[in-house]
Amino acid sequence: MTRVIQVGLLALVLLAEPARGQGEFINVEKLSDRVRLAYWVGTDRRCNLTTIRTQKGLVIIDTEMSPRIMVPIKKRLEQVFRRNDWAYVINTHAHDSHPGGNSLFRGATIVGHENLREDMQWIVRQQTEPDWKSQELDREANIIRNLRAALPRAGRNPSQARLFQGEIRFWELHSQDLREGFEVVPPSLTFADRHTLDCGDVQLELVFFGKGHSLSDTLIYVPQEKLLVTGAIVYQRAHLPEIGEQSKLADVHRFLAVLDRFLAAEVKIDHVVPSHSPPLVKKDLAPVRDYYQRMLVGVRAAQREGLTLEQAKARLAVSRNFPALRETPPGSWSHGFHDRNLRNLWRILSEEEPQSQSGHKKDAGLPPSVGERQPSGSQVEIEH
């Protein structure tokens, strides 16, 4: 039996608390008769929570930042579907808006990659390490003060005022959860490579992407709906993907294999649902795949030519090499992704292909390089 990490108030207390009109800040969008997207509105936030109606019960993908935020969203979805038989909760990964409301889904099976439990520990530490908790509460209090100061400027525009009010309420609820503590519920069903949930009329195919954005990045494909939920892998259109501090060369090859397989003609995808933007389409996967491929080829070539990291950065500038993607402006949480990706990939190749400058690979057991890759999908199979 999976042991639940208990911090502070029980989720049952939260369930008993009235929503206090918070439903006005929740949007629900219909993708099909079986699929809805729900998200809390705000000035600078959207986290899609994908719910699928199946014969075995409702399935939700991701559960926001904390229980008090998730309570009115869950209630609204139960009203929309006219049922509350939650069968599965799937977490795409453990950052911010993805597993914080798991505790509300008593009786449902929590599903995630085998690394998810480790990935979730930061949520526990944020609540139990006093300095970290204090700093986060101060940061959120500052966000709320700034939003309240800006609210009068939006007051004459009802739609803009709703965004500001929604953002303020969101951070108020999260701050309350953080101050009092909330239950952090890890997965009870995990997988290593891929796993299919058979829900009768619908099958959900879970695929581990590799260690990139997080330790536990998972994509979910629903062939009956021609739906792919990408979490933070395809984050939003034109957003740079990630090569993380924890990434290895095998992860980069896996990124390419997974994206190649979903881009294959026989895999039918009408809707791509990223974590933090309106739905995309299948072709939006291609710039992300191409980024990883060109980065791997370009950094490997730079090392073989004896260039420095700074020279490689100049050669592989985003504007010149990746026109479909863009750098985020200074001050954005993702500003500097490209430089970080270059630095990480440079380190990966230096450690795992130390003889690459002379054209000889150290480890013959590594997956083939991009230029030598086997046919698409050879490393990861996706049912369709």
Foldseek 3Di string as FASTA:
>chain_A
DDDWFFDFDAVVVLLPDDLVPLLVQKDWDDPDPFWIWIFGFADAFTFTWIWGQFLQGIEIFFQFAAQSVRNSVLVVVCVVVVHNRYAEYEFQAAPGIGQHNVSVNPPHFYEFAPCRVVRNVVVVCCLVVVVNVVVVLVVLVVVLVVLVVCLVVCVVPVVNNSNSVRSNVVSVSSSVCSPRDYIGGTGPHHDHAWDWDCRPVWIWIWGAQACWPHHTRIWIAIQVSLEIEGECQLADWQAAGTHDLPGAPLSLVSNLQVLLQCLDPVRRHQWYHYGTDPIDGSVSSVLRNVVSQCLLVLLLVCVLQVHDLVVSCVVCPCVVPRVRHDADDPPDPCHPRVVNRSVSSNVNCCVQQVVSNVPDRPDPPHADRPVPHDPRNPVPDDDD
